[in-house]
Amino acid sequence: MLLEYISETFQMDRLQSLAMINTPSLHTVKSFDLRVLPILTHMTIDNLENVESLRIADTSLVSFTEVNTSNMTSFDINNNRYMETVSADVELVTSHFHIAGNGRNIRVDVKNLKTANNVTVSNVESLNLDSLEEVQGSVSILENNFSVLSLPQLQKVGGSMRLADNRALARVQIGALKDIDGGLLIVNNTLLNDISFLPKLTVIGGGLDVEGNIVTTLWPSLKFIKGAAKITTTNVDFDCNQWLHSEVSEAMRGGDIQCRATGKPVVTRGASGKNSSTSRDESDEATSAASRTSFTRSTLIGSLTVVLLALTGNISLFYPRSLGV
């Protein structure tokens, strides 16, 4: 008799010699969990249905395309260093969608996913999340290898959004996004120098932090930023004064706005609307001068203490009492 149905969990954990899983008739399982199976390279499971929770971690599997279910609580594929392909028909993930630490050339196709609570994608070569409309928690797109990020249907992020350390990323398409309830972080994406891919973004519920070789920024619909806004660019031609008077400045609600461009003074506008400008050299010199002043004052005070002690006759600090002084 072949295994077809598991009412709860299919779990294999820390089986150092397991090289193959062969259950071709298994079609229904509630939770599917494979962890620390270092030589597992082959798995025959066709079209798993009704899977609520999936985790594939620390295996030698090359691909995983066996899930055929629409609603899940979690989808987690991590640290499978030979994994090349992941695909699934899932539409809703109520907890976390997490793909990280797999093979550098991994291709991820979850084109039907519409809603997730938290999304983390890292170390991916190709990503298809073309149907994603809403993330109720946070989005983290980190250290990937693709040159284009396309989330054409994404309209709302309930937490923060991070695009960071994607060294090959040169173009982003997130044209429908309107609301980010947390902060927005766009940093260290080496080839991404045009930040004009959020034409409908209206609200940033936290801070805004942009860093890289930034040439241009454009925020035509931005109306509200709750936290501070900061841009740091290595582009020597970037106009910080223009940034301080851009749509970003108009959208500020209480925090500071700052611009730091290579070779130029750091320019800051506080909540009061007043500008300040400080170069890094000036800041360092001020700190050095303050240190010198503090040292001089300490030296003078120490000298004065010795003089006062001598004047009061309390010179036993310098000569032993046995001398009769």
Protein backbone atom coordinates (compact mmCIF):
# COMPACT_ATOMS: atom_id res chain seq x y z
CA MET A 1 0.00 0.00 0.00
CA LEU A 2 1.38 3.40 -1.04
CA LEU A 3 1.39 6.45 1.26
CA GLU A 4 -1.16 8.99 0.00
CA TYR A 5 -2.33 11.08 2.95
CA ILE A 6 -0.81 12.55 6.13
CA SER A 7 -3.19 14.46 8.38
CA GLU A 8 -0.52 16.47 10.19
CA THR A 9 3.26 16.68 9.62
CA PHE A 10 5.73 15.02 7.29
CA GLN A 11 9.06 15.75 8.97
CA MET A 12 12.61 14.54 8.46
CA ASP A 13 15.28 16.15 10.58
CA ARG A 14 19.05 15.58 10.90
CA LEU A 15 19.25 12.37 8.91
CA GLN A 16 22.87 12.49 7.82
CA SER A 17 22.71 9.52 5.43
CA LEU A 18 19.37 10.14 3.73
CA ALA A 19 19.95 10.62 -0.02
CA MET A 20 16.49 10.08 -1.51
CA ILE A 21 12.80 10.50 -0.65
CA ASN A 22 10.43 8.51 -2.84
CA THR A 23 6.73 8.90 -2.08
CA PRO A 24 5.17 9.36 -5.54
CA SER A 25 1.60 8.82 -4.34
CA LEU A 26 1.66 11.28 -1.43
CA HIS A 27 -0.68 14.13 -2.35
CA THR A 28 -2.00 15.56 0.92
CA VAL A 29 -0.08 16.74 3.98
CA LYS A 30 -0.65 19.60 6.42
CA SER A 31 2.97 20.45 7.21
CA PHE A 32 6.02 19.49 5.14
CA ASP A 33 9.33 19.92 6.96
CA LEU A 34 12.79 18.83 5.79
CA ARG A 35 15.77 20.05 7.83
CA VAL A 36 19.48 19.25 7.90
CA LEU A 37 19.56 16.46 5.34
CA PRO A 38 23.01 17.20 3.91
CA ILE A 39 23.14 14.53 1.19
CA LEU A 40 19.47 14.55 0.16
CA THR A 41 19.65 15.10 -3.60
CA HIS A 42 16.53 13.41 -4.99
CA MET A 43 12.89 13.65 -3.99
CA THR A 44 9.90 12.19 -5.81
CA ILE A 45 6.72 13.84 -4.57
CA ASP A 46 4.22 15.01 -7.15
CA ASN A 47 1.75 17.86 -6.65
CA LEU A 48 1.35 18.15 -2.92
CA GLU A 49 -2.06 19.57 -2.03
CA ASN A 50 -3.46 21.32 1.05
CA VAL A 51 -0.01 22.07 2.44
CA GLU A 52 -0.30 24.76 5.10
CA SER A 53 3.35 25.00 6.12
CA LEU A 54 6.49 24.28 4.10
CA ARG A 55 10.14 24.35 5.14
CA ILE A 56 13.09 23.00 3.13
CA ALA A 57 16.38 23.80 4.86
CA ASP A 58 19.97 22.58 4.65
CA THR A 59 19.56 19.93 1.97
CA SER A 60 21.33 19.19 -1.33
CA LEU A 61 18.15 19.31 -3.41
CA VAL A 62 18.47 20.98 -6.80
CA SER A 63 14.84 21.93 -7.30
CA PHE A 64 11.49 22.10 -5.55
CA THR A 65 8.35 22.35 -7.67
CA GLU A 66 5.99 20.03 -5.86
CA VAL A 67 3.51 22.39 -4.14
CA ASN A 68 0.04 22.80 -5.64
CA THR A 69 -1.94 24.69 -3.01
CA SER A 70 -3.41 28.19 -2.86
CA ASN A 71 -3.30 29.13 0.85
CA MET A 72 -0.38 28.60 3.23
CA THR A 73 0.79 29.88 6.61
CA SER A 74 4.51 29.76 5.74
CA PHE A 75 6.76 29.12 2.75
CA ASP A 76 10.41 28.81 3.74
CA ILE A 77 13.26 27.56 1.57
CA ASN A 78 16.69 28.36 2.95
CA ASN A 79 20.32 27.25 2.93
CA ASN A 80 20.03 24.67 0.16
CA ARG A 81 23.30 25.47 -1.58
CA TYR A 82 22.59 23.50 -4.77
CA MET A 83 18.99 24.65 -5.22
CA GLU A 84 18.43 26.03 -8.73
CA THR A 85 14.64 26.20 -9.12
CA VAL A 86 11.70 26.96 -6.84
CA SER A 87 8.15 27.25 -8.10
CA ALA A 88 4.73 27.09 -6.48
CA ASP A 89 1.11 27.99 -7.20
CA VAL A 90 0.46 29.53 -3.78
CA GLU A 91 -1.68 32.70 -3.69
CA LEU A 92 -1.76 33.57 0.03
CA VAL A 93 0.91 33.20 2.72
CA THR A 94 -0.43 34.33 6.10
CA SER A 95 2.88 34.28 7.98
CA HIS A 96 6.25 34.46 6.20
CA PHE A 97 7.49 33.92 2.65
CA HIS A 98 11.21 33.36 3.03
CA ILE A 99 13.79 32.37 0.42
CA ALA A 100 17.42 32.91 1.37
CA GLY A 101 20.89 31.39 1.38
CA ASN A 102 20.34 28.93 -1.47
CA GLY A 103 22.37 28.44 -4.67
CA ARG A 104 23.56 31.68 -6.26
CA ASN A 105 21.78 30.90 -9.54
CA ILE A 106 18.42 30.00 -8.04
CA ARG A 107 15.33 30.98 -10.04
CA VAL A 108 12.14 31.63 -8.07
CA ASP A 109 8.74 31.55 -9.76
CA VAL A 110 5.77 32.17 -7.45
CA LYS A 111 3.83 34.15 -10.01
CA ASN A 112 0.39 33.61 -8.42
CA LEU A 113 1.23 34.94 -4.95
CA LYS A 114 -1.05 37.89 -4.19
CA THR A 115 -0.82 38.44 -0.44
CA ALA A 116 1.78 37.64 2.20
CA ASN A 117 2.46 38.77 5.74
CA ASN A 118 6.26 39.10 5.48
CA VAL A 119 8.44 38.65 2.40
CA THR A 120 12.19 38.02 2.45
CA VAL A 121 14.10 37.24 -0.73
CA SER A 122 17.89 36.91 -0.67
CA ASN A 123 20.60 35.39 -2.89
CA VAL A 124 18.27 34.92 -5.86
CA GLU A 125 19.16 35.16 -9.55
CA SER A 126 15.63 35.46 -10.99
CA LEU A 127 12.40 36.40 -9.21
CA ASN A 128 8.80 36.27 -10.38
CA LEU A 129 6.30 37.80 -7.95
CA ASP A 130 4.29 39.49 -10.67
CA SER A 131 0.91 39.06 -8.92
CA LEU A 132 1.94 40.28 -5.47
CA GLU A 133 -0.52 43.02 -4.41
CA GLU A 134 -0.11 43.41 -0.65
CA VAL A 135 2.41 42.60 2.05
CA GLN A 136 0.87 43.06 5.48
CA GLY A 137 4.23 43.10 7.25
CA SER A 138 7.67 43.91 5.87
CA VAL A 139 9.45 43.37 2.55
CA SER A 140 13.19 42.63 2.45
CA ILE A 141 14.93 42.25 -0.91
CA LEU A 142 18.58 41.69 0.05
CA GLU A 143 21.83 40.61 -1.59
CA ASN A 144 20.30 39.29 -4.79
CA ASN A 145 21.89 38.77 -8.20
CA PHE A 146 19.12 39.91 -10.56
CA SER A 147 19.41 43.10 -12.60
CA VAL A 148 15.67 43.88 -12.70
CA LEU A 149 13.17 43.82 -9.83
CA SER A 150 9.56 43.84 -10.96
CA LEU A 151 6.63 44.02 -8.53
CA PRO A 152 4.08 45.58 -10.89
CA GLN A 153 0.96 44.88 -8.80
CA LEU A 154 2.26 45.72 -5.33
CA GLN A 155 0.13 48.50 -3.80
CA LYS A 156 0.65 48.35 -0.04
CA VAL A 157 3.34 47.37 2.47
CA GLY A 158 2.13 47.24 6.07
CA GLY A 159 5.61 47.36 7.60
CA SER A 160 8.98 48.51 6.31
CA MET A 161 10.50 47.97 2.87
CA ARG A 162 14.21 47.30 2.35
CA LEU A 163 16.10 47.10 -0.93
CA ALA A 164 19.72 46.59 0.07
CA ASP A 165 23.01 45.21 -1.22
CA ASN A 166 21.65 44.03 -4.56
CA ARG A 167 24.90 44.55 -6.47
CA ALA A 168 23.54 43.80 -9.97
CA LEU A 169 20.23 45.65 -9.60
CA ALA A 170 19.95 48.40 -12.21
CA ARG A 171 16.21 48.76 -12.74
CA VAL A 172 13.19 48.59 -10.42
CA GLN A 173 9.52 48.49 -11.40
CA ILE A 174 7.14 49.08 -8.47
CA GLY A 175 4.84 51.53 -10.18
CA ALA A 176 1.62 50.73 -8.31
CA LEU A 177 2.90 51.05 -4.73
CA LYS A 178 1.01 53.74 -2.77
CA ASP A 179 1.55 53.12 0.95
CA ILE A 180 4.47 51.96 3.10
CA ASP A 181 3.41 52.03 6.75
CA GLY A 182 6.97 51.62 8.03
CA GLY A 183 10.29 52.96 6.79
CA LEU A 184 11.78 52.79 3.30
CA LEU A 185 15.44 51.79 2.95
CA ILE A 186 17.21 51.79 -0.43
CA VAL A 187 20.95 51.31 0.17
CA ASN A 188 24.08 49.86 -1.43
CA ASN A 189 22.52 48.79 -4.71
CA THR A 190 25.64 49.51 -6.72
CA LEU A 191 24.14 50.01 -10.18
CA LEU A 192 20.87 51.62 -9.10
CA ASN A 193 21.35 55.37 -9.52
CA ASP A 194 17.88 56.50 -10.57
CA ILE A 195 15.33 56.52 -7.74
CA SER A 196 12.21 57.36 -9.71
CA PHE A 197 10.47 53.98 -9.68
CA LEU A 198 7.81 54.87 -7.08
CA PRO A 199 5.58 57.32 -9.00
CA LYS A 200 2.44 56.61 -6.94
CA LEU A 201 4.00 56.36 -3.48
CA THR A 202 2.04 58.68 -1.19
CA VAL A 203 2.86 57.66 2.39
CA ILE A 204 6.02 56.55 4.22
CA GLY A 205 5.04 55.80 7.81
CA GLY A 206 8.63 55.72 9.07
CA GLY A 207 11.91 57.15 7.85
CA LEU A 208 13.42 57.37 4.37
CA ASP A 209 17.04 56.32 3.87
CA VAL A 210 18.66 56.30 0.42
CA GLU A 211 22.33 55.50 -0.13
CA GLY A 212 24.49 54.69 -3.15
CA ASN A 213 25.71 56.27 -6.37
CA ILE A 214 22.48 58.25 -6.63
CA VAL A 215 22.13 60.59 -9.61
CA THR A 216 18.43 61.44 -9.62
CA THR A 217 15.41 61.05 -7.35
CA LEU A 218 11.77 61.70 -8.10
CA TRP A 219 8.78 61.41 -5.76
CA PRO A 220 5.85 63.00 -7.63
CA SER A 221 3.04 61.71 -5.37
CA LEU A 222 4.73 61.73 -1.96
CA LYS A 223 2.65 63.57 0.67
CA PHE A 224 3.70 62.21 4.06
CA ILE A 225 6.93 61.05 5.73
CA LYS A 226 6.62 60.46 9.45
CA GLY A 227 10.32 60.02 10.27
CA ALA A 228 13.58 61.54 9.10
CA ALA A 229 14.76 61.53 5.48
CA LYS A 230 18.39 61.02 4.53
CA ILE A 231 20.25 60.60 1.26
CA THR A 232 23.93 59.70 0.99
CA THR A 233 25.44 59.63 -2.49
CA THR A 234 28.89 59.13 -3.96
CA ASN A 235 27.89 61.23 -6.98
CA VAL A 236 29.83 64.49 -6.75
CA ASP A 237 27.34 66.31 -9.00
CA PHE A 238 24.31 65.61 -6.82
CA ASP A 239 22.53 68.83 -5.81
CA CYS A 240 21.79 68.65 -2.09
CA ASN A 241 19.97 71.99 -2.06
CA GLN A 242 17.57 70.69 -4.66
CA TRP A 243 16.96 67.59 -2.52
CA LEU A 244 16.18 69.79 0.49
CA HIS A 245 13.57 71.67 -1.54
CA SER A 246 12.11 68.64 -3.32
CA GLU A 247 8.83 66.77 -2.81
CA VAL A 248 10.56 64.96 0.07
CA SER A 249 10.95 68.21 2.01
CA GLU A 250 7.31 69.10 1.46
CA ALA A 251 6.23 65.69 2.76
CA MET A 252 8.20 65.86 6.02
CA ARG A 253 6.14 65.76 9.23
CA GLY A 254 8.51 66.57 12.07
CA GLY A 255 11.77 64.78 11.27
CA ASP A 256 15.03 66.17 9.86
CA ILE A 257 15.97 65.96 6.19
CA GLN A 258 19.64 65.47 5.37
CA CYS A 259 21.83 65.21 2.29
CA ARG A 260 25.42 64.00 2.16
CA ALA A 261 27.22 64.04 -1.21
CA THR A 262 30.86 63.12 -1.72
CA GLY A 263 33.14 66.14 -1.54
CA LYS A 264 30.41 68.48 -0.31
CA PRO A 265 29.22 69.72 3.08
CA VAL A 266 26.50 67.75 4.81
CA VAL A 267 23.29 69.75 4.50
CA THR A 268 20.49 69.34 7.03
CA ARG A 269 17.11 70.95 7.49
CA GLY A 270 15.51 70.53 10.88
CA ALA A 271 11.86 70.34 11.81
CA SER A 272 11.88 74.13 12.23
CA GLY A 273 12.73 74.56 8.55
CA LYS A 274 16.20 76.02 9.21
CA ASN A 275 19.15 74.80 7.17
CA SER A 276 22.57 73.92 8.55
CA SER A 277 25.72 72.98 6.67
CA THR A 278 28.71 71.15 8.13
CA SER A 279 31.63 69.66 6.26
CA ARG A 280 33.23 66.51 7.56
CA ASP A 281 36.59 68.29 7.84
CA GLU A 282 35.04 71.09 9.89
CA SER A 283 33.34 68.62 12.17
CA ASP A 284 36.57 66.70 12.76
CA GLU A 285 38.50 69.96 13.42
CA ALA A 286 35.87 71.10 15.92
CA THR A 287 36.12 67.80 17.76
CA SER A 288 39.92 68.02 17.79
CA ALA A 289 39.84 71.62 19.07
CA ALA A 290 37.42 70.66 21.82
CA SER A 291 39.73 67.83 22.86
CA ARG A 292 42.74 70.17 22.95
CA THR A 293 40.83 72.71 25.05
CA SER A 294 39.72 70.02 27.48
CA PHE A 295 43.29 68.75 27.82
CA THR A 296 44.65 72.28 28.43
CA ARG A 297 42.02 72.99 31.09
CA SER A 298 42.76 69.71 32.85
CA THR A 299 46.49 70.50 32.84
CA LEU A 300 45.94 74.01 34.25
CA ILE A 301 43.63 72.74 36.96
CA GLY A 302 46.17 70.10 37.93
CA SER A 303 48.96 72.71 38.13
CA LEU A 304 46.78 75.07 40.16
CA THR A 305 46.02 72.30 42.64
CA VAL A 306 49.73 71.69 43.25
CA VAL A 307 50.37 75.43 43.77
CA LEU A 308 47.52 75.75 46.25
CA LEU A 309 48.73 72.76 48.20
CA ALA A 310 52.21 74.27 48.40
CA LEU A 311 50.86 77.65 49.56
CA THR A 312 48.88 76.08 52.39
CA GLY A 313 51.99 74.38 53.69
CA ASN A 314 50.73 70.93 52.89
CA ILE A 315 53.95 69.95 51.17
CA SER A 316 54.06 66.51 52.74
CA LEU A 317 53.02 65.37 49.26
CA PHE A 318 56.59 66.06 48.13
CA TYR A 319 58.78 65.60 51.24
CA PRO A 320 58.52 62.94 53.93
CA ARG A 321 57.52 64.16 57.41
CA SER A 322 60.65 62.57 58.86
CA LEU A 323 62.62 65.58 57.51
CA GLY A 324 60.83 67.77 59.99
CA VAL A 325 59.19 70.04 57.46
